[in-house]
Amino acid sequence: MKEEEREQWLKAGRIAAEVREFGRECIKPGVLLAEIVQACDDKIRELGAEPAFPSQISRNHIAAHYCPPPEDPTRVEPGDILKLDLGAHVNGYIADNAVSVDLRDGDGSPLMMASKMALENAIAVAGPGVAVSTIGRAIHDSIVAMGLRPVFNLTGHGVAKFNIHCAPQIPNYDDGSPVRLKPGQTIAIEPFATDGKGYIAEVGKPEVFQQARPLKMKDKLPEDIRHFLDAYHRLPFARRDLHRFFKPKEGEKVLNFLRKKRLLHEYPPLAEKLGVRISQHEHTLMITENGAIPTTRID
């Protein structure tokens, strides 16, 4: 890895980590979820990066991908456990991280400690030549030791330039995969701990979207839509991002147009059953010849 690339990975990590902590402090009872994620997106830009994906905040039984739409009236409730998931990129070099806030049982609750310990134990074993299944085993065993379960059908993932999800997958249990980490890779490890069954499903309306394929001449996109897509470099965007470029009614027309062109992947929220509580913690790591560097850890 060239030194210039390394510095951009690290800068993205510093910004993502700073905004993660900023966002954590914004999570208080009565605050609109939409205000929290918008403040995080704005802070990323203020610090000299761009969001690698729209900041998301998922409550209670929702594990991931809850992205408050514009005018969402949902507020933080006193008994919530919330997952704040955000990322930053610097010229396409990405950092992805997440933190949970348990307003009912506190930062030291078993559910919080399960995903925190799982993440730290996974980082401790990560490095060149390590099988991803070994990382999964560390995550699983850490969470089960707390009397809880990992979310089995969510994984960590590789991160590449302008690519938020790529190989390798980093499981939250020992899946027997022979895939091993290599120097030069960047990965995101994100344990989810749950007091439920450990399996999520798509629930509700998608608010996160991504360009599904390269554009073609025959797509005949209007210039303003092409400009919008070019600005995101095929990274995910949210309905609220459309409102930065288009008026609300025009934004909905753009989404429908892109659907008809089969240009969209859509990502609904991912959830267990009502009543379940889930925690998540996440860091991005650069794999080097000598080990692994967590780019989003604040020492």
Protein backbone atom coordinates (compact mmCIF):
# COMPACT_ATOMS: atom_id res chain seq x y z
CA MET A 1 0.00 0.00 0.00
CA LYS A 2 1.35 3.41 -0.98
CA GLU A 3 1.90 5.93 1.81
CA GLU A 4 -0.53 8.38 0.20
CA GLU A 5 -3.26 5.72 0.20
CA ARG A 6 -2.49 4.76 3.79
CA GLU A 7 -2.84 8.36 4.92
CA GLN A 8 -6.23 8.70 3.26
CA TRP A 9 -7.49 5.47 4.89
CA LEU A 10 -6.28 6.81 8.24
CA LYS A 11 -7.77 10.28 7.72
CA ALA A 12 -11.15 8.75 6.86
CA GLY A 13 -10.89 6.67 10.04
CA ARG A 14 -10.10 9.67 12.23
CA ILE A 15 -13.06 11.60 10.84
CA ALA A 16 -15.48 8.67 11.11
CA ALA A 17 -14.40 8.07 14.71
CA GLU A 18 -14.76 11.73 15.67
CA VAL A 19 -18.24 11.88 14.16
CA ARG A 20 -19.21 8.59 15.84
CA GLU A 21 -18.42 10.13 19.22
CA PHE A 22 -20.15 13.38 18.25
CA GLY A 23 -23.25 11.39 17.24
CA ARG A 24 -23.18 9.37 20.46
CA GLU A 25 -23.48 12.62 22.43
CA CYS A 26 -26.49 13.65 20.33
CA ILE A 27 -28.49 10.59 21.42
CA LYS A 28 -30.76 11.82 24.18
CA PRO A 29 -34.44 11.16 24.96
CA GLY A 30 -36.76 13.35 22.91
CA VAL A 31 -34.33 14.08 20.08
CA LEU A 32 -35.54 13.32 16.55
CA LEU A 33 -33.68 10.45 14.90
CA ALA A 34 -33.65 12.46 11.67
CA GLU A 35 -31.82 15.32 13.42
CA ILE A 36 -29.12 13.00 14.75
CA VAL A 37 -28.24 11.41 11.42
CA GLN A 38 -28.38 14.71 9.54
CA ALA A 39 -26.06 16.27 12.12
CA CYS A 40 -23.63 13.37 11.61
CA ASP A 41 -23.69 13.71 7.81
CA ASP A 42 -23.10 17.47 8.17
CA LYS A 43 -20.23 16.93 10.63
CA ILE A 44 -18.48 14.50 8.26
CA ARG A 45 -18.53 17.16 5.55
CA GLU A 46 -17.45 19.87 7.98
CA LEU A 47 -14.36 17.81 8.85
CA GLY A 48 -13.31 17.45 5.23
CA ALA A 49 -14.76 14.11 4.11
CA GLU A 50 -17.99 12.85 2.57
CA PRO A 51 -20.39 10.25 4.01
CA ALA A 52 -19.46 6.78 2.73
CA PHE A 53 -23.14 5.94 3.17
CA PRO A 54 -26.03 7.81 4.80
CA SER A 55 -25.72 7.81 8.59
CA GLN A 56 -28.24 5.42 10.13
CA ILE A 57 -29.74 4.96 13.58
CA SER A 58 -31.62 1.77 14.45
CA ARG A 59 -33.73 1.31 17.60
CA ASN A 60 -34.25 -1.75 19.79
CA HIS A 61 -35.19 -4.79 17.64
CA ILE A 62 -33.96 -3.11 14.43
CA ALA A 63 -30.36 -4.15 13.84
CA ALA A 64 -29.41 -1.97 10.88
CA HIS A 65 -30.42 0.13 7.88
CA TYR A 66 -32.97 2.34 9.64
CA CYS A 67 -32.41 5.61 7.87
CA PRO A 68 -34.95 8.23 8.99
CA PRO A 69 -36.79 9.70 6.00
CA PRO A 70 -37.31 13.46 5.77
CA GLU A 71 -39.98 14.59 8.24
CA ASP A 72 -39.69 11.33 10.23
CA PRO A 73 -41.40 12.06 13.60
CA THR A 74 -39.58 9.23 15.45
CA ARG A 75 -37.82 10.40 18.60
CA VAL A 76 -35.40 8.74 20.98
CA GLU A 77 -37.32 7.14 23.86
CA PRO A 78 -35.91 6.75 27.41
CA GLY A 79 -35.84 2.92 27.26
CA ASP A 80 -34.24 2.59 23.82
CA ILE A 81 -31.05 0.89 22.79
CA LEU A 82 -29.82 2.61 19.62
CA LYS A 83 -27.22 1.65 17.03
CA LEU A 84 -25.54 4.60 15.30
CA ASP A 85 -23.79 3.40 12.12
CA LEU A 86 -21.86 5.88 9.97
CA GLY A 87 -18.94 6.08 7.60
CA ALA A 88 -16.70 8.65 5.96
CA HIS A 89 -14.64 8.61 2.81
CA VAL A 90 -11.71 10.72 1.69
CA ASN A 91 -11.33 10.54 -2.10
CA GLY A 92 -13.02 7.13 -1.98
CA TYR A 93 -10.96 5.70 0.91
CA ILE A 94 -13.56 4.55 3.42
CA ALA A 95 -13.95 4.12 7.17
CA ASP A 96 -17.06 2.42 8.57
CA ASN A 97 -17.87 2.35 12.29
CA ALA A 98 -20.76 2.01 14.71
CA VAL A 99 -21.60 2.46 18.37
CA SER A 100 -24.58 1.54 20.53
CA VAL A 101 -26.20 3.59 23.31
CA ASP A 102 -28.35 1.77 25.89
CA LEU A 103 -30.58 4.34 27.57
CA ARG A 104 -32.33 1.74 29.73
CA ASP A 105 -29.51 -0.37 31.15
CA GLY A 106 -26.46 1.79 30.56
CA ASP A 107 -23.10 1.48 28.84
CA GLY A 108 -22.08 -1.50 30.97
CA SER A 109 -25.19 -3.60 30.32
CA PRO A 110 -24.60 -7.25 29.34
CA LEU A 111 -25.99 -6.54 25.88
CA MET A 112 -23.62 -3.62 25.35
CA MET A 113 -20.63 -5.46 26.78
CA ALA A 114 -21.31 -8.49 24.57
CA SER A 115 -20.85 -6.62 21.28
CA LYS A 116 -18.02 -4.46 22.68
CA MET A 117 -16.05 -7.46 23.96
CA ALA A 118 -16.74 -9.38 20.77
CA LEU A 119 -15.31 -6.53 18.71
CA GLU A 120 -12.18 -6.18 20.87
CA ASN A 121 -11.57 -9.93 20.88
CA ALA A 122 -12.04 -10.08 17.11
CA ILE A 123 -9.55 -7.26 16.59
CA ALA A 124 -7.09 -9.06 18.87
CA VAL A 125 -7.01 -12.12 16.59
CA ALA A 126 -7.22 -10.29 13.23
CA GLY A 127 -4.14 -10.10 11.03
CA PRO A 128 -2.53 -11.42 7.86
CA GLY A 129 -3.13 -15.13 7.32
CA VAL A 130 -5.95 -15.34 9.87
CA ALA A 131 -9.07 -17.18 8.70
CA VAL A 132 -12.25 -15.13 8.80
CA SER A 133 -13.88 -18.09 10.57
CA THR A 134 -11.39 -17.59 13.42
CA ILE A 135 -12.62 -14.01 13.79
CA GLY A 136 -16.20 -15.29 13.68
CA ARG A 137 -15.43 -17.79 16.44
CA ALA A 138 -14.02 -15.02 18.65
CA ILE A 139 -17.17 -12.96 18.11
CA HIS A 140 -19.54 -15.86 18.75
CA ASP A 141 -17.78 -17.10 21.86
CA SER A 142 -17.58 -13.61 23.37
CA ILE A 143 -21.30 -12.99 22.94
CA VAL A 144 -22.43 -16.45 24.05
CA ALA A 145 -20.30 -16.09 27.20
CA MET A 146 -22.61 -13.19 28.16
CA GLY A 147 -25.71 -15.39 27.76
CA LEU A 148 -26.70 -13.77 24.46
CA ARG A 149 -26.53 -14.62 20.75
CA PRO A 150 -24.81 -13.07 17.77
CA VAL A 151 -26.93 -12.10 14.77
CA PHE A 152 -25.96 -14.99 12.53
CA ASN A 153 -27.15 -13.59 9.20
CA LEU A 154 -25.33 -10.25 9.42
CA THR A 155 -21.62 -10.02 8.70
CA GLY A 156 -18.70 -7.69 8.65
CA HIS A 157 -17.17 -7.08 5.25
CA GLY A 158 -14.30 -5.91 3.17
CA VAL A 159 -13.96 -2.23 2.27
CA ALA A 160 -12.31 -0.92 -0.90
CA LYS A 161 -11.98 2.39 -2.68
CA PHE A 162 -15.53 3.67 -3.38
CA ASN A 163 -16.84 0.25 -2.32
CA ILE A 164 -18.44 -0.05 1.12
CA HIS A 165 -19.21 -3.80 0.95
CA CYS A 166 -16.88 -6.27 -0.78
CA ALA A 167 -15.05 -9.52 -0.08
CA PRO A 168 -14.23 -10.93 2.37
CA GLN A 169 -17.29 -11.40 4.53
CA ILE A 170 -16.47 -11.43 8.25
CA PRO A 171 -18.99 -13.74 9.96
CA ASN A 172 -20.28 -13.33 13.50
CA TYR A 173 -19.74 -17.05 14.17
CA ASP A 174 -17.39 -19.79 12.99
CA ASP A 175 -18.84 -20.57 9.57
CA GLY A 176 -15.93 -22.82 8.59
CA SER A 177 -14.78 -20.48 5.82
CA PRO A 178 -11.19 -21.12 4.68
CA VAL A 179 -10.80 -17.51 3.47
CA ARG A 180 -7.83 -15.78 5.11
CA LEU A 181 -7.00 -12.12 5.51
CA LYS A 182 -4.25 -10.66 3.33
CA PRO A 183 -1.95 -7.65 3.73
CA GLY A 184 -3.37 -4.65 1.88
CA GLN A 185 -6.99 -5.49 2.65
CA THR A 186 -9.26 -3.21 4.65
CA ILE A 187 -12.13 -4.79 6.58
CA ALA A 188 -14.98 -3.75 8.84
CA ILE A 189 -15.76 -5.99 11.82
CA GLU A 190 -19.23 -5.44 13.28
CA PRO A 191 -20.55 -7.83 15.93
CA PHE A 192 -24.28 -7.68 16.66
CA ALA A 193 -25.45 -9.13 19.98
CA THR A 194 -29.11 -9.92 20.63
CA ASP A 195 -31.38 -11.29 23.34
CA GLY A 196 -33.53 -12.72 20.54
CA LYS A 197 -33.03 -15.66 18.19
CA GLY A 198 -30.15 -14.18 16.24
CA TYR A 199 -31.75 -13.89 12.81
CA ILE A 200 -32.95 -10.71 11.12
CA ALA A 201 -35.28 -10.10 8.18
CA GLU A 202 -36.10 -7.15 5.95
CA VAL A 203 -38.90 -5.11 7.51
CA GLY A 204 -40.52 -1.89 6.31
CA LYS A 205 -39.87 0.67 3.63
CA PRO A 206 -36.36 1.14 2.19
CA GLU A 207 -34.74 4.52 2.71
CA VAL A 208 -31.24 3.54 1.56
CA PHE A 209 -30.48 3.12 -2.14
CA GLN A 210 -27.48 2.39 -4.34
CA GLN A 211 -26.76 2.52 -8.04
CA ALA A 212 -26.99 -1.12 -9.12
CA ARG A 213 -24.90 -1.13 -12.29
CA PRO A 214 -22.79 1.11 -14.52
CA LEU A 215 -24.68 3.64 -16.59
CA LYS A 216 -25.15 3.01 -20.30
CA MET A 217 -25.81 5.37 -23.19
CA LYS A 218 -29.18 3.70 -23.78
CA ASP A 219 -30.28 4.67 -20.23
CA LYS A 220 -30.72 8.22 -21.56
CA LEU A 221 -30.57 9.81 -18.12
CA PRO A 222 -31.39 13.49 -17.75
CA GLU A 223 -28.29 15.52 -16.96
CA ASP A 224 -29.40 16.38 -13.41
CA ILE A 225 -29.96 12.71 -12.50
CA ARG A 226 -26.62 11.69 -14.01
CA HIS A 227 -24.95 14.50 -12.03
CA PHE A 228 -26.58 13.23 -8.83
CA LEU A 229 -25.44 9.63 -9.38
CA ASP A 230 -21.93 10.73 -10.37
CA ALA A 231 -21.66 12.63 -7.08
CA TYR A 232 -22.10 9.38 -5.12
CA HIS A 233 -19.65 7.21 -7.11
CA ARG A 234 -22.01 4.22 -6.68
CA LEU A 235 -21.90 4.57 -2.89
CA PRO A 236 -25.25 4.32 -1.03
CA PHE A 237 -27.51 7.35 -0.63
CA ALA A 238 -30.73 8.09 1.24
CA ARG A 239 -34.01 9.71 0.37
CA ARG A 240 -32.84 12.75 2.35
CA ASP A 241 -29.82 13.00 0.02
CA LEU A 242 -32.15 13.30 -2.95
CA HIS A 243 -33.67 16.31 -1.21
CA ARG A 244 -30.25 18.01 -1.29
CA PHE A 245 -30.31 17.90 -5.09
CA PHE A 246 -34.02 17.95 -5.94
CA LYS A 247 -37.25 19.29 -4.49
CA PRO A 248 -39.14 16.62 -2.47
CA LYS A 249 -41.72 15.78 -5.18
CA GLU A 250 -38.99 15.74 -7.83
CA GLY A 251 -36.89 13.42 -5.65
CA GLU A 252 -39.68 10.84 -5.57
CA LYS A 253 -39.95 11.04 -9.35
CA VAL A 254 -36.20 10.45 -9.62
CA LEU A 255 -36.47 7.31 -7.46
CA ASN A 256 -39.31 5.96 -9.57
CA PHE A 257 -37.42 6.76 -12.75
CA LEU A 258 -34.33 4.90 -11.50
CA ARG A 259 -36.48 1.93 -10.46
CA LYS A 260 -37.96 1.70 -13.95
CA LYS A 261 -34.45 1.77 -15.39
CA ARG A 262 -33.49 -1.05 -12.99
CA LEU A 263 -30.70 1.12 -11.68
CA LEU A 264 -31.39 0.75 -7.96
CA HIS A 265 -30.56 -1.61 -5.16
CA GLU A 266 -32.89 -0.86 -2.23
CA TYR A 267 -32.12 -1.64 1.41
CA PRO A 268 -35.03 -1.94 3.88
CA PRO A 269 -34.42 -1.96 7.64
CA LEU A 270 -33.17 -5.27 9.08
CA ALA A 271 -34.91 -6.40 12.26
CA GLU A 272 -35.79 -9.18 14.67
CA LYS A 273 -39.22 -9.34 16.32
CA LEU A 274 -40.66 -6.52 18.41
CA GLY A 275 -39.45 -6.70 21.98
CA VAL A 276 -35.97 -7.95 21.08
CA ARG A 277 -32.99 -5.70 21.86
CA ILE A 278 -29.82 -5.64 19.75
CA SER A 279 -26.45 -3.95 20.21
CA GLN A 280 -23.71 -3.32 17.64
CA HIS A 281 -20.14 -2.06 17.74
CA GLU A 282 -17.90 -1.70 14.69
CA HIS A 283 -14.40 -0.69 13.65
CA THR A 284 -12.55 -0.60 10.33
CA LEU A 285 -9.12 -2.29 10.19
CA MET A 286 -6.24 -2.08 7.73
CA ILE A 287 -4.50 -5.45 7.40
CA THR A 288 -0.73 -5.00 7.15
CA GLU A 289 2.23 -7.37 6.88
CA ASN A 290 2.63 -7.17 10.65
CA GLY A 291 -0.92 -7.09 12.00
CA ALA A 292 -4.09 -5.01 11.88
CA ILE A 293 -4.57 -1.27 12.43
CA PRO A 294 -8.01 -0.14 13.63
CA THR A 295 -8.45 3.13 11.73
CA THR A 296 -11.58 4.15 13.65
CA ARG A 297 -10.33 3.56 17.19
CA ILE A 298 -9.74 6.63 19.34
CA ASP A 299 -6.85 6.00 21.75
